[in-house]
Amino acid sequence: MKKSIERIIPKPARPGMVGDGFRVYNFIPGANITQRRISPFLMLDFNAAYDFGPSAVPRGVDVHPHKGFETVTIAYQGSVAHHDSAGNSGVINPGDVQWMTAGGGILHKEYHEKEYAKKGGPFEMVQLWVNLPKKDKLTPAHYQALTADMMGKAILPNDGGVVNVIAGEFNGVKGPAATYSPVNLFDIKLNAGKEVSTSLPAHYNTAILVVNGSIEVNGEKAPEHSFVLFKNEGTDINIKAAEQAVLLVMSGEPIDEPIASYGPFVMNTQEEIYDAIQEFQSGKFGVLE
């Protein structure tokens, strides 16, 4: 049975800025999509391709805290460097994914990689926040640096393209990311005139971000930079590309627990949010300059 489409949401009229280095269209929470409706996904910011121009001082987001969830940064064009208060650092290049488990708390900063910033050029990224179950919210912070060559690769027949499996499983091909609840995350490159089909559990919250190109999903047209939200019924998805297309498919089992969120903190109760703020203000998350 086809997975029914609830809505196809166009990109917001105007992008917003996160720091001075990320020009993003926000889909979650927004467009009347609550965090509970799309659980375990909490936030989706899409930096559609944009050239910030060369800069001697890298643009980005200065030091900020996170607690109680995971951040997933997916690089399509451009490069991002990051540092945290535990002494970790790295660079995310096109095709790479950084899966950061903030867990019990960490300070973080991310910015355009130095050499990329000097040259400028197209910058295209997605940042997705994934909730943690209550039992895992205080797990020690850690990273999964998932490079392009680590991704599970499903080569589509008839020169259809490729599915890079970041997490979960696509038609028998598994992704490298370890997750705390069941999550499927697929980066699909679909050639013009080609199609791809897969099945995902009916009760999973499922959506597609059309990063590039335009597509037809289960018979309905979705333009470039739109967001396709599925109902929780049916399992089968068929995607046809009207032109060369890049898609991010996200699907996850809902975490049926209360959500209390305040900025960079996502817990289960307001009391836990107050605790997180106090921990941050008292320096428990460490130091990062």
Protein backbone atom coordinates (compact mmCIF):
# COMPACT_ATOMS: atom_id res chain seq x y z
CA MET A 1 0.00 0.00 0.00
CA LYS A 2 1.31 3.45 -0.93
CA LYS A 3 2.36 5.76 1.90
CA SER A 4 -0.13 8.62 1.79
CA ILE A 5 1.09 12.21 1.53
CA GLU A 6 -0.21 14.60 4.18
CA ARG A 7 1.24 17.82 2.75
CA ILE A 8 3.84 19.15 0.32
CA ILE A 9 5.27 22.25 1.95
CA PRO A 10 7.06 24.92 -0.12
CA LYS A 11 10.22 26.48 1.26
CA PRO A 12 9.59 29.49 3.55
CA ALA A 13 9.36 32.88 1.85
CA ARG A 14 12.60 34.11 3.42
CA PRO A 15 15.65 32.40 4.88
CA GLY A 16 16.95 33.15 8.35
CA MET A 17 20.54 33.44 9.55
CA VAL A 18 22.14 31.14 12.10
CA GLY A 19 25.24 33.03 13.16
CA ASP A 20 26.73 34.71 10.11
CA GLY A 21 27.59 31.53 8.19
CA PHE A 22 24.36 29.60 7.75
CA ARG A 23 21.53 31.01 5.61
CA VAL A 24 18.74 28.56 6.30
CA TYR A 25 15.16 27.68 5.52
CA ASN A 26 13.58 26.14 8.60
CA PHE A 27 11.04 23.34 8.13
CA ILE A 28 11.00 21.75 11.61
CA PRO A 29 9.54 23.01 13.86
CA GLY A 30 7.61 25.24 11.49
CA ALA A 31 4.96 25.16 8.78
CA ASN A 32 2.67 23.78 11.52
CA ILE A 33 4.94 20.75 11.95
CA THR A 34 5.42 20.27 15.67
CA GLN A 35 8.32 18.38 17.19
CA ARG A 36 5.91 15.76 18.47
CA ARG A 37 4.32 15.30 15.02
CA ILE A 38 7.66 14.51 13.37
CA SER A 39 9.38 12.78 16.35
CA PRO A 40 12.18 11.70 16.67
CA PHE A 41 13.18 14.65 14.47
CA LEU A 42 13.23 17.94 16.35
CA MET A 43 14.62 20.52 13.93
CA LEU A 44 15.52 20.79 10.25
CA ASP A 45 17.46 23.74 8.85
CA PHE A 46 18.26 23.70 5.14
CA ASN A 47 21.01 25.96 3.79
CA ALA A 48 20.09 25.91 0.08
CA ALA A 49 23.09 26.49 -2.20
CA TYR A 50 24.43 30.00 -1.59
CA ASP A 51 27.79 31.68 -2.17
CA PHE A 52 28.78 33.80 0.81
CA GLY A 53 31.87 34.99 -1.07
CA PRO A 54 35.50 34.86 0.07
CA SER A 55 36.27 35.81 3.66
CA ALA A 56 39.53 36.10 5.57
CA VAL A 57 37.65 35.42 8.82
CA PRO A 58 35.53 32.25 8.55
CA ARG A 59 31.80 32.76 9.02
CA GLY A 60 29.85 30.49 11.32
CA VAL A 61 28.22 30.04 14.71
CA ASP A 62 30.16 30.93 17.85
CA VAL A 63 30.22 28.91 21.07
CA HIS A 64 26.83 27.51 22.08
CA PRO A 65 25.58 24.64 24.28
CA HIS A 66 23.57 21.51 23.46
CA LYS A 67 21.95 18.95 25.76
CA GLY A 68 19.50 16.07 25.43
CA PHE A 69 19.58 15.30 21.69
CA GLU A 70 21.78 14.76 18.62
CA THR A 71 22.79 17.08 15.79
CA VAL A 72 23.30 15.66 12.30
CA THR A 73 25.15 17.89 9.82
CA ILE A 74 25.05 16.80 6.17
CA ALA A 75 27.40 18.53 3.71
CA TYR A 76 26.47 18.82 0.04
CA GLN A 77 28.71 21.74 -1.01
CA GLY A 78 31.32 23.67 0.96
CA SER A 79 33.14 22.59 4.12
CA VAL A 80 32.44 23.10 7.81
CA ALA A 81 34.93 22.91 10.67
CA HIS A 82 33.92 22.39 14.29
CA HIS A 83 35.34 22.35 17.83
CA ASP A 84 33.85 21.37 21.19
CA SER A 85 34.57 21.69 24.90
CA ALA A 86 35.75 18.06 25.11
CA GLY A 87 38.66 18.84 22.79
CA ASN A 88 37.16 17.28 19.67
CA SER A 89 37.48 18.94 16.27
CA GLY A 90 37.15 18.06 12.61
CA VAL A 91 36.08 19.11 9.13
CA ILE A 92 32.92 18.04 7.29
CA ASN A 93 33.45 17.96 3.52
CA PRO A 94 30.91 17.32 0.72
CA GLY A 95 29.40 13.86 1.12
CA ASP A 96 30.36 13.69 4.81
CA VAL A 97 28.04 13.63 7.81
CA GLN A 98 28.82 14.63 11.37
CA TRP A 99 26.55 12.90 13.89
CA MET A 100 27.05 14.57 17.28
CA THR A 101 25.40 13.14 20.37
CA ALA A 102 25.18 16.07 22.79
CA GLY A 103 23.69 13.82 25.47
CA GLY A 104 24.46 15.17 28.95
CA GLY A 105 25.81 18.45 27.62
CA ILE A 106 28.58 20.04 25.58
CA LEU A 107 29.73 23.38 24.18
CA HIS A 108 30.18 23.53 20.42
CA LYS A 109 31.07 25.92 17.62
CA GLU A 110 30.98 25.44 13.87
CA TYR A 111 32.13 27.63 11.03
CA HIS A 112 33.24 27.60 7.40
CA GLU A 113 36.51 25.69 7.02
CA LYS A 114 39.43 28.13 6.67
CA GLU A 115 40.59 27.28 3.13
CA TYR A 116 37.04 27.08 1.82
CA ALA A 117 36.25 30.45 3.44
CA LYS A 118 39.21 32.09 1.69
CA LYS A 119 37.99 30.94 -1.72
CA GLY A 120 34.22 31.12 -1.25
CA GLY A 121 31.92 29.16 -3.52
CA PRO A 122 28.56 27.40 -3.18
CA PHE A 123 27.63 26.37 0.36
CA GLU A 124 24.85 23.79 0.78
CA MET A 125 24.14 22.02 4.05
CA VAL A 126 21.41 20.43 6.16
CA GLN A 127 21.33 20.28 9.93
CA LEU A 128 18.88 17.87 11.48
CA TRP A 129 18.27 17.45 15.22
CA VAL A 130 17.30 13.98 16.43
CA ASN A 131 15.79 13.44 19.86
CA LEU A 132 17.19 11.03 22.43
CA PRO A 133 14.96 8.73 24.50
CA LYS A 134 14.71 9.71 28.17
CA LYS A 135 16.98 6.84 29.21
CA ASP A 136 19.78 8.15 26.96
CA LYS A 137 19.52 11.90 27.45
CA LEU A 138 22.46 12.04 29.87
CA THR A 139 24.78 9.80 27.87
CA PRO A 140 28.29 11.32 27.59
CA ALA A 141 28.71 13.54 24.54
CA HIS A 142 30.43 11.92 21.55
CA TYR A 143 30.74 12.03 17.77
CA GLN A 144 30.40 9.82 14.74
CA ALA A 145 32.47 11.25 11.88
CA LEU A 146 30.83 9.58 8.88
CA THR A 147 32.88 10.24 5.77
CA ALA A 148 31.52 9.84 2.25
CA ASP A 149 33.39 6.56 1.71
CA MET A 150 31.76 5.02 4.80
CA MET A 151 28.18 5.37 3.58
CA GLY A 152 26.17 2.36 2.57
CA LYS A 153 25.70 2.59 -1.19
CA ALA A 154 22.74 1.24 -3.11
CA ILE A 155 23.44 1.65 -6.84
CA LEU A 156 20.13 2.04 -8.64
CA PRO A 157 19.53 -0.04 -11.80
CA ASN A 158 19.47 1.38 -15.33
CA ASP A 159 21.83 4.23 -14.41
CA GLY A 160 19.18 5.50 -12.01
CA GLY A 161 21.60 7.03 -9.53
CA VAL A 162 22.72 6.12 -6.03
CA VAL A 163 21.32 6.01 -2.52
CA ASN A 164 23.85 6.88 0.18
CA VAL A 165 22.53 5.22 3.33
CA ILE A 166 23.54 7.32 6.35
CA ALA A 167 21.44 5.49 8.95
CA GLY A 168 19.08 2.56 8.98
CA GLU A 169 18.53 0.34 5.96
CA PHE A 170 17.52 0.95 2.35
CA ASN A 171 16.45 -2.13 0.38
CA GLY A 172 18.93 -4.30 2.28
CA VAL A 173 21.84 -1.81 2.33
CA LYS A 174 22.74 -0.57 5.83
CA GLY A 175 24.18 2.78 6.87
CA PRO A 176 27.10 3.36 9.26
CA ALA A 177 25.39 5.60 11.85
CA ALA A 178 24.58 4.11 15.24
CA THR A 179 21.28 5.50 16.55
CA TYR A 180 19.53 5.44 19.93
CA SER A 181 16.11 4.83 18.38
CA PRO A 182 15.19 3.43 14.95
CA VAL A 183 16.04 6.03 12.27
CA ASN A 184 16.42 5.80 8.50
CA LEU A 185 18.30 8.59 6.76
CA PHE A 186 18.98 8.39 3.02
CA ASP A 187 20.84 10.79 0.73
CA ILE A 188 19.46 10.01 -2.73
CA LYS A 189 21.00 11.19 -6.02
CA LEU A 190 18.46 10.43 -8.74
CA ASN A 191 19.19 10.93 -12.43
CA ALA A 192 16.75 12.72 -14.73
CA GLY A 193 13.88 10.53 -15.89
CA LYS A 194 14.73 7.76 -13.40
CA GLU A 195 12.85 6.43 -10.39
CA VAL A 196 13.41 4.70 -7.08
CA SER A 197 11.09 2.75 -4.78
CA THR A 198 11.36 1.65 -1.18
CA SER A 199 9.15 0.73 1.78
CA LEU A 200 9.19 2.23 5.27
CA PRO A 201 7.10 1.25 8.30
CA ALA A 202 3.63 2.81 8.33
CA HIS A 203 3.93 4.08 11.91
CA TYR A 204 7.29 5.81 11.36
CA ASN A 205 7.19 9.58 10.90
CA THR A 206 8.50 10.07 7.37
CA ALA A 207 9.40 13.05 5.18
CA ILE A 208 11.47 14.00 2.14
CA LEU A 209 13.43 17.24 1.67
CA VAL A 210 13.87 18.02 -2.03
CA VAL A 211 17.40 19.45 -1.91
CA ASN A 212 17.76 19.87 -5.68
CA GLY A 213 15.60 19.24 -8.73
CA SER A 214 11.91 18.42 -8.86
CA ILE A 215 10.24 15.06 -8.34
CA GLU A 216 6.98 13.15 -8.38
CA VAL A 217 6.26 11.25 -5.16
CA ASN A 218 3.52 8.62 -5.19
CA GLY A 219 1.92 10.51 -8.07
CA GLU A 220 2.17 14.03 -6.59
CA LYS A 221 4.61 16.67 -7.83
CA ALA A 222 7.08 18.17 -5.36
CA PRO A 223 9.15 21.17 -6.52
CA GLU A 224 12.74 21.97 -5.67
CA HIS A 225 13.34 22.95 -2.03
CA SER A 226 9.97 21.60 -0.89
CA PHE A 227 9.27 19.29 2.04
CA VAL A 228 7.05 16.24 1.63
CA LEU A 229 5.35 15.10 4.84
CA PHE A 230 3.73 11.65 4.81
CA LYS A 231 0.76 10.42 6.81
CA ASN A 232 1.27 7.49 9.17
CA GLU A 233 -0.42 5.04 6.84
CA GLY A 234 0.89 2.87 4.05
CA THR A 235 4.46 1.74 3.51
CA ASP A 236 5.48 2.12 -0.14
CA ILE A 237 7.18 5.17 -1.66
CA ASN A 238 7.91 5.69 -5.36
CA ILE A 239 9.93 8.69 -6.49
CA LYS A 240 10.37 9.81 -10.10
CA ALA A 241 12.84 12.54 -11.04
CA ALA A 242 11.73 15.09 -13.63
CA GLU A 243 15.35 16.32 -13.65
CA GLN A 244 18.59 15.54 -11.85
CA ALA A 245 17.54 15.45 -8.20
CA VAL A 246 19.05 15.26 -4.73
CA LEU A 247 16.75 14.13 -1.90
CA LEU A 248 17.03 13.62 1.83
CA VAL A 249 14.64 10.95 3.10
CA MET A 250 14.11 10.81 6.85
CA SER A 251 12.00 8.26 8.66
CA GLY A 252 11.98 7.30 12.31
CA GLU A 253 10.00 5.53 14.99
CA PRO A 254 8.30 8.16 17.17
CA ILE A 255 9.64 8.53 20.70
CA ASP A 256 6.42 8.54 22.72
CA GLU A 257 7.67 10.70 25.59
CA PRO A 258 7.07 14.31 26.67
CA ILE A 259 9.19 16.95 24.93
CA ALA A 260 10.35 20.05 26.78
CA SER A 261 12.56 22.28 24.65
CA TYR A 262 14.23 25.62 25.16
CA GLY A 263 16.70 26.77 22.52
CA PRO A 264 19.62 24.31 22.49
CA PHE A 265 18.20 22.11 25.28
CA VAL A 266 15.65 19.32 24.71
CA MET A 267 14.56 17.33 27.75
CA ASN A 268 11.35 15.74 29.06
CA THR A 269 10.28 18.27 31.72
CA GLN A 270 10.60 21.99 32.42
CA GLU A 271 12.48 21.15 35.60
CA GLU A 272 15.12 19.38 33.50
CA ILE A 273 15.35 22.45 31.26
CA TYR A 274 16.00 24.66 34.30
CA ASP A 275 18.70 22.21 35.39
CA ALA A 276 20.31 22.36 31.93
CA ILE A 277 20.39 26.17 32.00
CA GLN A 278 21.97 26.14 35.47
CA GLU A 279 24.55 23.57 34.37
CA PHE A 280 25.48 25.71 31.37
CA GLN A 281 25.70 28.90 33.43
CA SER A 282 27.80 27.21 36.12
CA GLY A 283 30.34 25.90 33.61
CA LYS A 284 29.46 22.21 33.85
CA PHE A 285 29.63 21.85 30.05
CA GLY A 286 33.29 22.86 30.08
CA VAL A 287 35.13 25.71 28.37
CA LEU A 288 35.46 26.55 24.69
CA GLU A 289 36.93 29.74 23.28
